[in-house]
Amino acid sequence: MLKTIHILLVEDNEGDILLTRVALENAAIDFKLSIASDGKEAIDFLSKANGFADREMPDLTLLDINLPKKNGHEVLAFMKKNESLNHIPVVMLTTSSSQNDIDMAYANNASGFITKPSDLSDFLNAVAGTVQYWIDKINHSA
């Protein structure tokens, strides 16, 4: 029996949030999606602080880099330095294709780095394929 995957999407762009939800629904993925719209909110969510005490931890985090309050690199570093969070796969899903951002993400133990495709179909396929990959890994290790 495959479990419902809980995804934390850390994204401040409403259009990308909607497209990510559409990609998951179109791929018939059994998911629960939690949204954090800035880096501080993501850290609060993961720390169960400031109104997030009852939230279950995600199985996978999709993390943008360019976020208000705290950027994605700061959120990633927080997660990977925290013993209760560092097992959660984190895929950077961002408009950046900067080699510096890629190097920094992997130096902080990101599980993957995807530059958001500008083509709608490519975006939907990239999100669905990435999430399906992690669902398969999570379900096989459970």
C-alpha atoms as a PDB file:
ATOM      1  CA  MET A   1       0.000   0.000   0.000  1.00  0.00           C
ATOM      2  CA  LEU A   2       1.533   3.282  -1.105  1.00  0.00           C
ATOM      3  CA  LYS A   3       1.245   6.133   1.325  1.00  0.00           C
ATOM      4  CA  THR A   4       0.052   9.617   0.544  1.00  0.00           C
ATOM      5  CA  ILE A   5       3.136  11.766   0.117  1.00  0.00           C
ATOM      6  CA  HIS A   6       3.213  15.009   2.078  1.00  0.00           C
ATOM      7  CA  ILE A   7       4.994  17.726   0.114  1.00  0.00           C
ATOM      8  CA  LEU A   8       6.059  21.062   1.525  1.00  0.00           C
ATOM      9  CA  LEU A   9       6.227  23.561  -1.325  1.00  0.00           C
ATOM     10  CA  VAL A  10       8.184  26.671  -0.366  1.00  0.00           C
ATOM     11  CA  GLU A  11       7.228  29.133  -3.082  1.00  0.00           C
ATOM     12  CA  ASP A  12       6.164  32.785  -3.149  1.00  0.00           C
ATOM     13  CA  ASN A  13       4.830  32.831  -6.730  1.00  0.00           C
ATOM     14  CA  GLU A  14       1.088  32.059  -6.794  1.00  0.00           C
ATOM     15  CA  GLY A  15       1.275  30.981 -10.437  1.00  0.00           C
ATOM     16  CA  ASP A  16       3.996  28.419  -9.710  1.00  0.00           C
ATOM     17  CA  ILE A  17       2.024  27.134  -6.702  1.00  0.00           C
ATOM     18  CA  LEU A  18      -1.001  26.594  -8.936  1.00  0.00           C
ATOM     19  CA  LEU A  19       1.075  24.948 -11.682  1.00  0.00           C
ATOM     20  CA  THR A  20       2.728  22.620  -9.160  1.00  0.00           C
ATOM     21  CA  ARG A  21      -0.675  21.552  -7.848  1.00  0.00           C
ATOM     22  CA  VAL A  22      -1.895  20.968 -11.445  1.00  0.00           C
ATOM     23  CA  ALA A  23       1.226  18.920 -12.243  1.00  0.00           C
ATOM     24  CA  LEU A  24       0.630  16.670  -9.228  1.00  0.00           C
ATOM     25  CA  GLU A  25      -3.075  16.267  -9.958  1.00  0.00           C
ATOM     26  CA  ASN A  26      -2.472  15.523 -13.653  1.00  0.00           C
ATOM     27  CA  ALA A  27       0.089  12.862 -12.726  1.00  0.00           C
ATOM     28  CA  ALA A  28      -2.482  11.201 -10.448  1.00  0.00           C
ATOM     29  CA  ILE A  29      -0.095  11.429  -7.508  1.00  0.00           C
ATOM     30  CA  ASP A  30      -1.640  10.763  -4.096  1.00  0.00           C
ATOM     31  CA  PHE A  31      -0.394  13.850  -2.277  1.00  0.00           C
ATOM     32  CA  LYS A  32      -0.992  16.329   0.489  1.00  0.00           C
ATOM     33  CA  LEU A  33       0.450  19.764  -0.290  1.00  0.00           C
ATOM     34  CA  SER A  34       1.465  22.282   2.342  1.00  0.00           C
ATOM     35  CA  ILE A  35       2.580  25.739   1.247  1.00  0.00           C
ATOM     36  CA  ALA A  36       5.037  28.134   2.832  1.00  0.00           C
ATOM     37  CA  SER A  37       5.203  31.435   0.989  1.00  0.00           C
ATOM     38  CA  ASP A  38       8.526  32.638   2.403  1.00  0.00           C
ATOM     39  CA  GLY A  39      11.630  31.223   4.025  1.00  0.00           C
ATOM     40  CA  LYS A  40      10.700  32.248   7.566  1.00  0.00           C
ATOM     41  CA  GLU A  41       7.307  30.569   7.244  1.00  0.00           C
ATOM     42  CA  ALA A  42       9.031  27.398   5.999  1.00  0.00           C
ATOM     43  CA  ILE A  43      11.355  27.349   9.016  1.00  0.00           C
ATOM     44  CA  ASP A  44       8.398  27.987  11.348  1.00  0.00           C
ATOM     45  CA  PHE A  45       6.491  25.132   9.678  1.00  0.00           C
ATOM     46  CA  LEU A  46       9.433  22.742  10.001  1.00  0.00           C
ATOM     47  CA  SER A  47      10.127  23.860  13.581  1.00  0.00           C
ATOM     48  CA  LYS A  48       6.435  23.582  14.498  1.00  0.00           C
ATOM     49  CA  ALA A  49       6.614  27.177  15.740  1.00  0.00           C
ATOM     50  CA  ASN A  50       4.318  30.202  15.482  1.00  0.00           C
ATOM     51  CA  GLY A  51       1.032  28.412  14.851  1.00  0.00           C
ATOM     52  CA  PHE A  52       2.398  25.314  13.119  1.00  0.00           C
ATOM     53  CA  ALA A  53       2.579  22.998  16.158  1.00  0.00           C
ATOM     54  CA  ASP A  54       0.019  20.550  14.747  1.00  0.00           C
ATOM     55  CA  ARG A  55       1.604  20.196  11.282  1.00  0.00           C
ATOM     56  CA  GLU A  56       2.974  16.835  10.222  1.00  0.00           C
ATOM     57  CA  MET A  57       6.453  16.788   8.788  1.00  0.00           C
ATOM     58  CA  PRO A  58       6.737  16.565   5.001  1.00  0.00           C
ATOM     59  CA  ASP A  59       8.106  13.567   3.142  1.00  0.00           C
ATOM     60  CA  LEU A  60       9.579  15.870   0.480  1.00  0.00           C
ATOM     61  CA  THR A  61      10.317  19.579   0.226  1.00  0.00           C
ATOM     62  CA  LEU A  62      10.278  21.528  -3.038  1.00  0.00           C
ATOM     63  CA  LEU A  63      12.185  24.717  -2.317  1.00  0.00           C
ATOM     64  CA  ASP A  64      12.555  27.912  -4.326  1.00  0.00           C
ATOM     65  CA  ILE A  65      15.738  29.941  -3.835  1.00  0.00           C
ATOM     66  CA  ASN A  66      14.446  33.469  -4.346  1.00  0.00           C
ATOM     67  CA  LEU A  67      12.143  33.912  -1.353  1.00  0.00           C
ATOM     68  CA  PRO A  68      11.248  36.795   0.937  1.00  0.00           C
ATOM     69  CA  LYS A  69      12.487  36.932   4.571  1.00  0.00           C
ATOM     70  CA  LYS A  70      14.890  33.968   4.293  1.00  0.00           C
ATOM     71  CA  ASN A  71      16.102  32.589   0.969  1.00  0.00           C
ATOM     72  CA  GLY A  72      16.028  28.960  -0.065  1.00  0.00           C
ATOM     73  CA  HIS A  73      19.706  28.436   0.707  1.00  0.00           C
ATOM     74  CA  GLU A  74      19.076  29.520   4.300  1.00  0.00           C
ATOM     75  CA  VAL A  75      16.082  27.178   4.595  1.00  0.00           C
ATOM     76  CA  LEU A  76      18.068  24.281   3.105  1.00  0.00           C
ATOM     77  CA  ALA A  77      20.995  24.884   5.484  1.00  0.00           C
ATOM     78  CA  PHE A  78      18.566  25.012   8.439  1.00  0.00           C
ATOM     79  CA  MET A  79      16.981  21.713   7.415  1.00  0.00           C
ATOM     80  CA  LYS A  80      20.231  19.863   6.809  1.00  0.00           C
ATOM     81  CA  LYS A  81      21.800  21.042  10.098  1.00  0.00           C
ATOM     82  CA  ASN A  82      18.724  19.936  12.089  1.00  0.00           C
ATOM     83  CA  GLU A  83      18.877  16.280  13.099  1.00  0.00           C
ATOM     84  CA  SER A  84      15.083  15.877  13.035  1.00  0.00           C
ATOM     85  CA  LEU A  85      14.818  17.331   9.511  1.00  0.00           C
ATOM     86  CA  ASN A  86      17.994  16.377   7.661  1.00  0.00           C
ATOM     87  CA  HIS A  87      16.523  13.094   6.347  1.00  0.00           C
ATOM     88  CA  ILE A  88      13.818  14.936   4.356  1.00  0.00           C
ATOM     89  CA  PRO A  89      14.724  15.149   0.656  1.00  0.00           C
ATOM     90  CA  VAL A  90      14.925  18.753  -0.539  1.00  0.00           C
ATOM     91  CA  VAL A  91      14.730  19.526  -4.249  1.00  0.00           C
ATOM     92  CA  MET A  92      15.550  23.075  -5.257  1.00  0.00           C
ATOM     93  CA  LEU A  93      12.908  24.139  -7.796  1.00  0.00           C
ATOM     94  CA  THR A  94      13.876  27.594  -8.951  1.00  0.00           C
ATOM     95  CA  THR A  95      14.206  29.991 -11.859  1.00  0.00           C
ATOM     96  CA  SER A  96      17.931  30.276 -11.129  1.00  0.00           C
ATOM     97  CA  SER A  97      20.385  28.480 -13.357  1.00  0.00           C
ATOM     98  CA  SER A  98      23.374  30.146 -11.702  1.00  0.00           C
ATOM     99  CA  GLN A  99      26.294  27.763 -11.191  1.00  0.00           C
ATOM    100  CA  ASN A 100      26.872  29.449  -7.829  1.00  0.00           C
ATOM    101  CA  ASP A 101      23.311  28.586  -6.733  1.00  0.00           C
ATOM    102  CA  ILE A 102      23.703  25.003  -7.975  1.00  0.00           C
ATOM    103  CA  ASP A 103      27.053  24.580  -6.184  1.00  0.00           C
ATOM    104  CA  MET A 104      25.712  26.111  -2.967  1.00  0.00           C
ATOM    105  CA  ALA A 105      22.607  23.903  -3.037  1.00  0.00           C
ATOM    106  CA  TYR A 106      24.631  20.718  -3.397  1.00  0.00           C
ATOM    107  CA  ALA A 107      27.197  21.910  -0.818  1.00  0.00           C
ATOM    108  CA  ASN A 108      24.253  22.138   1.604  1.00  0.00           C
ATOM    109  CA  ASN A 109      23.131  18.604   0.664  1.00  0.00           C
ATOM    110  CA  ALA A 110      20.187  19.355  -1.610  1.00  0.00           C
ATOM    111  CA  SER A 111      18.715  16.161  -3.045  1.00  0.00           C
ATOM    112  CA  GLY A 112      18.272  17.755  -6.446  1.00  0.00           C
ATOM    113  CA  PHE A 113      18.296  21.029  -8.364  1.00  0.00           C
ATOM    114  CA  ILE A 114      15.808  21.802 -11.115  1.00  0.00           C
ATOM    115  CA  THR A 115      15.694  25.054 -13.027  1.00  0.00           C
ATOM    116  CA  LYS A 116      12.020  25.753 -13.673  1.00  0.00           C
ATOM    117  CA  PRO A 117      11.345  25.298 -17.376  1.00  0.00           C
ATOM    118  CA  SER A 118       9.627  28.285 -19.004  1.00  0.00           C
ATOM    119  CA  ASP A 119       7.510  25.989 -21.197  1.00  0.00           C
ATOM    120  CA  LEU A 120       4.281  24.994 -19.415  1.00  0.00           C
ATOM    121  CA  SER A 121       4.336  21.362 -20.496  1.00  0.00           C
ATOM    122  CA  ASP A 122       8.009  21.016 -19.543  1.00  0.00           C
ATOM    123  CA  PHE A 123       7.288  22.582 -16.128  1.00  0.00           C
ATOM    124  CA  LEU A 124       4.410  20.177 -15.448  1.00  0.00           C
ATOM    125  CA  ASN A 125       6.510  17.187 -16.536  1.00  0.00           C
ATOM    126  CA  ALA A 126       9.526  18.280 -14.472  1.00  0.00           C
ATOM    127  CA  VAL A 127       7.471  18.638 -11.287  1.00  0.00           C
ATOM    128  CA  ALA A 128       5.524  15.409 -11.785  1.00  0.00           C
ATOM    129  CA  GLY A 129       8.632  13.425 -12.705  1.00  0.00           C
ATOM    130  CA  THR A 130      10.631  14.728  -9.763  1.00  0.00           C
ATOM    131  CA  VAL A 131       7.888  14.009  -7.257  1.00  0.00           C
ATOM    132  CA  GLN A 132       7.242  10.546  -8.710  1.00  0.00           C
ATOM    133  CA  TYR A 133      10.939   9.736  -8.412  1.00  0.00           C
ATOM    134  CA  TRP A 134      10.919  10.644  -4.714  1.00  0.00           C
ATOM    135  CA  ILE A 135       7.644   8.811  -4.060  1.00  0.00           C
ATOM    136  CA  ASP A 136       9.212   5.665  -5.491  1.00  0.00           C
ATOM    137  CA  LYS A 137      12.338   6.090  -3.331  1.00  0.00           C
ATOM    138  CA  ILE A 138      10.300   6.837  -0.185  1.00  0.00           C
ATOM    139  CA  ASN A 139       7.938   3.912  -0.697  1.00  0.00           C
ATOM    140  CA  HIS A 140      10.773   1.470  -1.392  1.00  0.00           C
ATOM    141  CA  SER A 141      12.647   2.481   1.735  1.00  0.00           C
ATOM    142  CA  ALA A 142       9.569   2.335   3.985  1.00  0.00           C
END
